[in-house]
Amino acid sequence: MARLGWTMEQRAGVKAYSRLSTFFAVLCLAIGIATLAMGNAAGWVLIGLAVVLWTGLFLFLRYTKKSQP
């Protein structure tokens, strides 16, 4: 049986989610680095949050892609 790929709508949604998550991850990283530069240790929380959320979305999309029929 031939393996069907994602529809165009699904690929567009994945692309949009990836761009949005990357934008917010870069934003959190920039704010976290600026916060650290000002001497506040809370910047590490923002950096960790950005990494965890972006990695979570990446793994979710990878798992979803592998489970497609």
PDB file of N, CA and C in Angstrom:
ATOM      1  N   MET A   1       0.841  -1.165   0.000  1.00  0.00           N
ATOM      2  CA  MET A   1       0.000   0.000   0.000  1.00  0.00           C
ATOM      3  C   MET A   1       0.896   1.241   0.000  1.00  0.00           C
ATOM      4  N   ALA A   2       0.561   2.188  -0.829  1.00  0.00           N
ATOM      5  CA  ALA A   2       1.358   3.408  -0.941  1.00  0.00           C
ATOM      6  C   ALA A   2       1.185   4.267   0.309  1.00  0.00           C
ATOM      7  N   ARG A   3       2.256   4.874   0.709  1.00  0.00           N
ATOM      8  CA  ARG A   3       2.199   5.761   1.872  1.00  0.00           C
ATOM      9  C   ARG A   3       1.749   7.140   1.416  1.00  0.00           C
ATOM     10  N   LEU A   4       0.649   7.597   1.992  1.00  0.00           N
ATOM     11  CA  LEU A   4       0.133   8.902   1.645  1.00  0.00           C
ATOM     12  C   LEU A   4       0.858   9.966   2.459  1.00  0.00           C
ATOM     13  N   GLY A   5       1.085  11.106   1.854  1.00  0.00           N
ATOM     14  CA  GLY A   5       1.759  12.198   2.559  1.00  0.00           C
ATOM     15  C   GLY A   5       0.760  13.135   3.207  1.00  0.00           C
ATOM     16  N   TRP A   6       1.279  14.160   3.797  1.00  0.00           N
ATOM     17  CA  TRP A   6       0.422  15.164   4.418  1.00  0.00           C
ATOM     18  C   TRP A   6      -0.260  15.982   3.338  1.00  0.00           C
ATOM     19  N   THR A   7      -1.429  16.480   3.634  1.00  0.00           N
ATOM     20  CA  THR A   7      -2.120  17.357   2.694  1.00  0.00           C
ATOM     21  C   THR A   7      -1.441  18.720   2.715  1.00  0.00           C
ATOM     22  N   MET A   8      -1.776  19.537   1.756  1.00  0.00           N
ATOM     23  CA  MET A   8      -1.187  20.873   1.684  1.00  0.00           C
ATOM     24  C   MET A   8      -1.579  21.706   2.905  1.00  0.00           C
ATOM     25  N   GLU A   9      -2.816  21.518   3.383  1.00  0.00           N
ATOM     26  CA  GLU A   9      -3.267  22.265   4.549  1.00  0.00           C
ATOM     27  C   GLU A   9      -2.482  21.866   5.796  1.00  0.00           C
ATOM     28  N   GLN A  10      -2.204  20.574   5.938  1.00  0.00           N
ATOM     29  CA  GLN A  10      -1.439  20.109   7.086  1.00  0.00           C
ATOM     30  C   GLN A  10      -0.002  20.633   7.034  1.00  0.00           C
ATOM     31  N   ARG A  11       0.593  20.595   5.858  1.00  0.00           N
ATOM     32  CA  ARG A  11       1.951  21.119   5.728  1.00  0.00           C
ATOM     33  C   ARG A  11       2.002  22.611   5.999  1.00  0.00           C
ATOM     34  N   ALA A  12       0.989  23.350   5.542  1.00  0.00           N
ATOM     35  CA  ALA A  12       0.940  24.788   5.800  1.00  0.00           C
ATOM     36  C   ALA A  12       0.773  25.067   7.291  1.00  0.00           C
ATOM     37  N   GLY A  13      -0.026  24.259   7.968  1.00  0.00           N
ATOM     38  CA  GLY A  13      -0.202  24.427   9.407  1.00  0.00           C
ATOM     39  C   GLY A  13       1.083  24.155  10.167  1.00  0.00           C
ATOM     40  N   VAL A  14       1.783  23.102   9.784  1.00  0.00           N
ATOM     41  CA  VAL A  14       3.055  22.768  10.424  1.00  0.00           C
ATOM     42  C   VAL A  14       4.065  23.894  10.201  1.00  0.00           C
ATOM     43  N   LYS A  15       4.097  24.410   8.997  1.00  0.00           N
ATOM     44  CA  LYS A  15       5.023  25.501   8.691  1.00  0.00           C
ATOM     45  C   LYS A  15       4.701  26.737   9.520  1.00  0.00           C
ATOM     46  N   ALA A  16       3.407  27.039   9.662  1.00  0.00           N
ATOM     47  CA  ALA A  16       3.001  28.199  10.452  1.00  0.00           C
ATOM     48  C   ALA A  16       3.343  28.013  11.921  1.00  0.00           C
ATOM     49  N   TYR A  17       3.066  26.834  12.472  1.00  0.00           N
ATOM     50  CA  TYR A  17       3.402  26.570  13.875  1.00  0.00           C
ATOM     51  C   TYR A  17       4.911  26.617  14.099  1.00  0.00           C
ATOM     52  N   SER A  18       5.670  26.100  13.163  1.00  0.00           N
ATOM     53  CA  SER A  18       7.120  26.114  13.299  1.00  0.00           C
ATOM     54  C   SER A  18       7.659  27.535  13.283  1.00  0.00           C
ATOM     55  N   ARG A  19       7.158  28.351  12.373  1.00  0.00           N
ATOM     56  CA  ARG A  19       7.601  29.746  12.315  1.00  0.00           C
ATOM     57  C   ARG A  19       7.220  30.513  13.570  1.00  0.00           C
ATOM     58  N   LEU A  20       5.995  30.312  14.031  1.00  0.00           N
ATOM     59  CA  LEU A  20       5.524  31.003  15.224  1.00  0.00           C
ATOM     60  C   LEU A  20       6.324  30.586  16.452  1.00  0.00           C
ATOM     61  N   SER A  21       6.560  29.296  16.597  1.00  0.00           N
ATOM     62  CA  SER A  21       7.317  28.827  17.756  1.00  0.00           C
ATOM     63  C   SER A  21       8.766  29.291  17.688  1.00  0.00           C
ATOM     64  N   THR A  22       9.350  29.328  16.512  1.00  0.00           N
ATOM     65  CA  THR A  22      10.717  29.802  16.368  1.00  0.00           C
ATOM     66  C   THR A  22      10.808  31.288  16.697  1.00  0.00           C
ATOM     67  N   PHE A  23       9.814  32.060  16.263  1.00  0.00           N
ATOM     68  CA  PHE A  23       9.791  33.493  16.573  1.00  0.00           C
ATOM     69  C   PHE A  23       9.747  33.715  18.076  1.00  0.00           C
ATOM     70  N   PHE A  24       8.845  33.022  18.769  1.00  0.00           N
ATOM     71  CA  PHE A  24       8.737  33.209  20.209  1.00  0.00           C
ATOM     72  C   PHE A  24       9.945  32.656  20.958  1.00  0.00           C
ATOM     73  N   ALA A  25      10.540  31.600  20.452  1.00  0.00           N
ATOM     74  CA  ALA A  25      11.747  31.066  21.084  1.00  0.00           C
ATOM     75  C   ALA A  25      12.888  32.067  20.976  1.00  0.00           C
ATOM     76  N   VAL A  26      13.065  32.669  19.814  1.00  0.00           N
ATOM     77  CA  VAL A  26      14.118  33.668  19.630  1.00  0.00           C
ATOM     78  C   VAL A  26      13.830  34.897  20.485  1.00  0.00           C
ATOM     79  N   LEU A  27      12.569  35.287  20.573  1.00  0.00           N
ATOM     80  CA  LEU A  27      12.183  36.418  21.409  1.00  0.00           C
ATOM     81  C   LEU A  27      12.495  36.143  22.877  1.00  0.00           C
ATOM     82  N   CYS A  28      12.133  34.956  23.367  1.00  0.00           N
ATOM     83  CA  CYS A  28      12.430  34.592  24.761  1.00  0.00           C
ATOM     84  C   CYS A  28      13.930  34.526  25.004  1.00  0.00           C
ATOM     85  N   LEU A  29      14.672  34.002  24.045  1.00  0.00           N
ATOM     86  CA  LEU A  29      16.125  33.954  24.191  1.00  0.00           C
ATOM     87  C   LEU A  29      16.715  35.355  24.271  1.00  0.00           C
ATOM     88  N   ALA A  30      16.250  36.250  23.414  1.00  0.00           N
ATOM     89  CA  ALA A  30      16.766  37.618  23.423  1.00  0.00           C
ATOM     90  C   ALA A  30      16.434  38.326  24.734  1.00  0.00           C
ATOM     91  N   ILE A  31      15.205  38.181  25.201  1.00  0.00           N
ATOM     92  CA  ILE A  31      14.819  38.806  26.468  1.00  0.00           C
ATOM     93  C   ILE A  31      15.585  38.170  27.624  1.00  0.00           C
ATOM     94  N   GLY A  32      15.769  36.864  27.585  1.00  0.00           N
ATOM     95  CA  GLY A  32      16.524  36.178  28.631  1.00  0.00           C
ATOM     96  C   GLY A  32      17.969  36.631  28.683  1.00  0.00           C
ATOM     97  N   ILE A  33      18.591  36.775  27.523  1.00  0.00           N
ATOM     98  CA  ILE A  33      19.988  37.236  27.476  1.00  0.00           C
ATOM     99  C   ILE A  33      20.083  38.678  27.959  1.00  0.00           C
ATOM    100  N   ALA A  34      19.125  39.518  27.562  1.00  0.00           N
ATOM    101  CA  ALA A  34      19.125  40.907  28.036  1.00  0.00           C
ATOM    102  C   ALA A  34      18.923  40.963  29.545  1.00  0.00           C
ATOM    103  N   THR A  35      18.051  40.109  30.065  1.00  0.00           N
ATOM    104  CA  THR A  35      17.813  40.074  31.507  1.00  0.00           C
ATOM    105  C   THR A  35      19.064  39.616  32.244  1.00  0.00           C
ATOM    106  N   LEU A  36      19.743  38.628  31.704  1.00  0.00           N
ATOM    107  CA  LEU A  36      20.997  38.179  32.312  1.00  0.00           C
ATOM    108  C   LEU A  36      22.060  39.272  32.261  1.00  0.00           C
ATOM    109  N   ALA A  37      22.106  40.016  31.168  1.00  0.00           N
ATOM    110  CA  ALA A  37      23.092  41.078  31.032  1.00  0.00           C
ATOM    111  C   ALA A  37      22.850  42.192  32.053  1.00  0.00           C
ATOM    112  N   MET A  38      21.594  42.384  32.451  1.00  0.00           N
ATOM    113  CA  MET A  38      21.273  43.400  33.451  1.00  0.00           C
ATOM    114  C   MET A  38      21.521  42.891  34.868  1.00  0.00           C
ATOM    115  N   GLY A  39      21.881  41.632  35.011  1.00  0.00           N
ATOM    116  CA  GLY A  39      22.233  41.099  36.308  1.00  0.00           C
ATOM    117  C   GLY A  39      21.115  40.355  37.014  1.00  0.00           C
ATOM    118  N   ASN A  40      20.043  40.049  36.323  1.00  0.00           N
ATOM    119  CA  ASN A  40      18.924  39.329  36.930  1.00  0.00           C
ATOM    120  C   ASN A  40      19.004  37.855  36.526  1.00  0.00           C
ATOM    121  N   ALA A  41      18.968  36.972  37.495  1.00  0.00           N
ATOM    122  CA  ALA A  41      19.088  35.540  37.225  1.00  0.00           C
ATOM    123  C   ALA A  41      17.820  34.940  36.619  1.00  0.00           C
ATOM    124  N   ALA A  42      16.736  35.695  36.559  1.00  0.00           N
ATOM    125  CA  ALA A  42      15.497  35.187  35.968  1.00  0.00           C
ATOM    126  C   ALA A  42      15.634  34.965  34.460  1.00  0.00           C
ATOM    127  N   GLY A  43      16.697  35.481  33.873  1.00  0.00           N
ATOM    128  CA  GLY A  43      16.933  35.261  32.446  1.00  0.00           C
ATOM    129  C   GLY A  43      17.124  33.799  32.125  1.00  0.00           C
ATOM    130  N   TRP A  44      17.693  33.045  33.066  1.00  0.00           N
ATOM    131  CA  TRP A  44      17.872  31.609  32.858  1.00  0.00           C
ATOM    132  C   TRP A  44      16.527  30.907  32.727  1.00  0.00           C
ATOM    133  N   VAL A  45      15.528  31.393  33.447  1.00  0.00           N
ATOM    134  CA  VAL A  45      14.183  30.799  33.358  1.00  0.00           C
ATOM    135  C   VAL A  45      13.612  31.010  31.963  1.00  0.00           C
ATOM    136  N   LEU A  46      13.766  32.217  31.427  1.00  0.00           N
ATOM    137  CA  LEU A  46      13.266  32.490  30.081  1.00  0.00           C
ATOM    138  C   LEU A  46      13.999  31.667  29.028  1.00  0.00           C
ATOM    139  N   ILE A  47      15.299  31.545  29.169  1.00  0.00           N
ATOM    140  CA  ILE A  47      16.075  30.744  28.215  1.00  0.00           C
ATOM    141  C   ILE A  47      15.649  29.278  28.288  1.00  0.00           C
ATOM    142  N   GLY A  48      15.498  28.766  29.500  1.00  0.00           N
ATOM    143  CA  GLY A  48      15.052  27.379  29.661  1.00  0.00           C
ATOM    144  C   GLY A  48      13.654  27.159  29.116  1.00  0.00           C
ATOM    145  N   LEU A  49      12.765  28.110  29.347  1.00  0.00           N
ATOM    146  CA  LEU A  49      11.396  28.012  28.836  1.00  0.00           C
ATOM    147  C   LEU A  49      11.379  27.981  27.317  1.00  0.00           C
ATOM    148  N   ALA A  50      12.168  28.839  26.702  1.00  0.00           N
ATOM    149  CA  ALA A  50      12.223  28.872  25.244  1.00  0.00           C
ATOM    150  C   ALA A  50      12.725  27.550  24.679  1.00  0.00           C
ATOM    151  N   VAL A  51      13.773  27.020  25.280  1.00  0.00           N
ATOM    152  CA  VAL A  51      14.351  25.759  24.788  1.00  0.00           C
ATOM    153  C   VAL A  51      13.376  24.601  24.971  1.00  0.00           C
ATOM    154  N   VAL A  52      12.743  24.527  26.130  1.00  0.00           N
ATOM    155  CA  VAL A  52      11.815  23.423  26.401  1.00  0.00           C
ATOM    156  C   VAL A  52      10.602  23.476  25.483  1.00  0.00           C
ATOM    157  N   LEU A  53      10.007  24.650  25.311  1.00  0.00           N
ATOM    158  CA  LEU A  53       8.823  24.755  24.460  1.00  0.00           C
ATOM    159  C   LEU A  53       9.147  24.475  22.999  1.00  0.00           C
ATOM    160  N   TRP A  54      10.259  25.013  22.498  1.00  0.00           N
ATOM    161  CA  TRP A  54      10.594  24.793  21.102  1.00  0.00           C
ATOM    162  C   TRP A  54      10.931  23.324  20.846  1.00  0.00           C
ATOM    163  N   THR A  55      11.666  22.706  21.758  1.00  0.00           N
ATOM    164  CA  THR A  55      12.008  21.292  21.618  1.00  0.00           C
ATOM    165  C   THR A  55      10.762  20.423  21.698  1.00  0.00           C
ATOM    166  N   GLY A  56       9.843  20.772  22.587  1.00  0.00           N
ATOM    167  CA  GLY A  56       8.597  20.018  22.702  1.00  0.00           C
ATOM    168  C   GLY A  56       7.788  20.053  21.422  1.00  0.00           C
ATOM    169  N   LEU A  57       7.668  21.233  20.818  1.00  0.00           N
ATOM    170  CA  LEU A  57       6.929  21.326  19.559  1.00  0.00           C
ATOM    171  C   LEU A  57       7.643  20.553  18.460  1.00  0.00           C
ATOM    172  N   PHE A  58       8.960  20.637  18.399  1.00  0.00           N
ATOM    173  CA  PHE A  58       9.727  19.918  17.393  1.00  0.00           C
ATOM    174  C   PHE A  58       9.501  18.415  17.504  1.00  0.00           C
ATOM    175  N   LEU A  59       9.570  17.892  18.729  1.00  0.00           N
ATOM    176  CA  LEU A  59       9.369  16.453  18.927  1.00  0.00           C
ATOM    177  C   LEU A  59       7.934  16.044  18.627  1.00  0.00           C
ATOM    178  N   PHE A  60       6.968  16.884  18.992  1.00  0.00           N
ATOM    179  CA  PHE A  60       5.569  16.601  18.695  1.00  0.00           C
ATOM    180  C   PHE A  60       5.335  16.514  17.196  1.00  0.00           C
ATOM    181  N   LEU A  61       5.887  17.453  16.440  1.00  0.00           N
ATOM    182  CA  LEU A  61       5.702  17.435  14.990  1.00  0.00           C
ATOM    183  C   LEU A  61       6.401  16.235  14.366  1.00  0.00           C
ATOM    184  N   ARG A  62       7.561  15.866  14.880  1.00  0.00           N
ATOM    185  CA  ARG A  62       8.263  14.689  14.366  1.00  0.00           C
ATOM    186  C   ARG A  62       7.459  13.411  14.629  1.00  0.00           C
ATOM    187  N   TYR A  63       6.915  13.283  15.846  1.00  0.00           N
ATOM    188  CA  TYR A  63       6.114  12.107  16.189  1.00  0.00           C
ATOM    189  C   TYR A  63       4.840  12.054  15.344  1.00  0.00           C
ATOM    190  N   THR A  64       4.212  13.202  15.155  1.00  0.00           N
ATOM    191  CA  THR A  64       2.979  13.252  14.360  1.00  0.00           C
ATOM    192  C   THR A  64       3.271  12.873  12.914  1.00  0.00           C
ATOM    193  N   LYS A  65       4.388  13.337  12.380  1.00  0.00           N
ATOM    194  CA  LYS A  65       4.733  13.023  10.989  1.00  0.00           C
ATOM    195  C   LYS A  65       4.979  11.524  10.811  1.00  0.00           C
ATOM    196  N   LYS A  66       5.635  10.905  11.788  1.00  0.00           N
ATOM    197  CA  LYS A  66       5.909   9.462  11.683  1.00  0.00           C
ATOM    198  C   LYS A  66       4.643   8.620  11.823  1.00  0.00           C
ATOM    199  N   SER A  67       3.629   9.150  12.506  1.00  0.00           N
ATOM    200  CA  SER A  67       2.418   8.357  12.745  1.00  0.00           C
ATOM    201  C   SER A  67       1.386   8.526  11.633  1.00  0.00           C
ATOM    202  N   GLN A  68       1.698   9.320  10.611  1.00  0.00           N
ATOM    203  CA  GLN A  68       0.774   9.490   9.491  1.00  0.00           C
ATOM    204  C   GLN A  68       0.700   8.174   8.707  1.00  0.00           C
ATOM    205  N   PRO A  69      -0.474   7.838   8.225  1.00  0.00           N
ATOM    206  CA  PRO A  69      -0.605   6.585   7.462  1.00  0.00           C
ATOM    207  C   PRO A  69       0.107   6.628   6.127  1.00  0.00           C
TER     208      PRO A  69
END
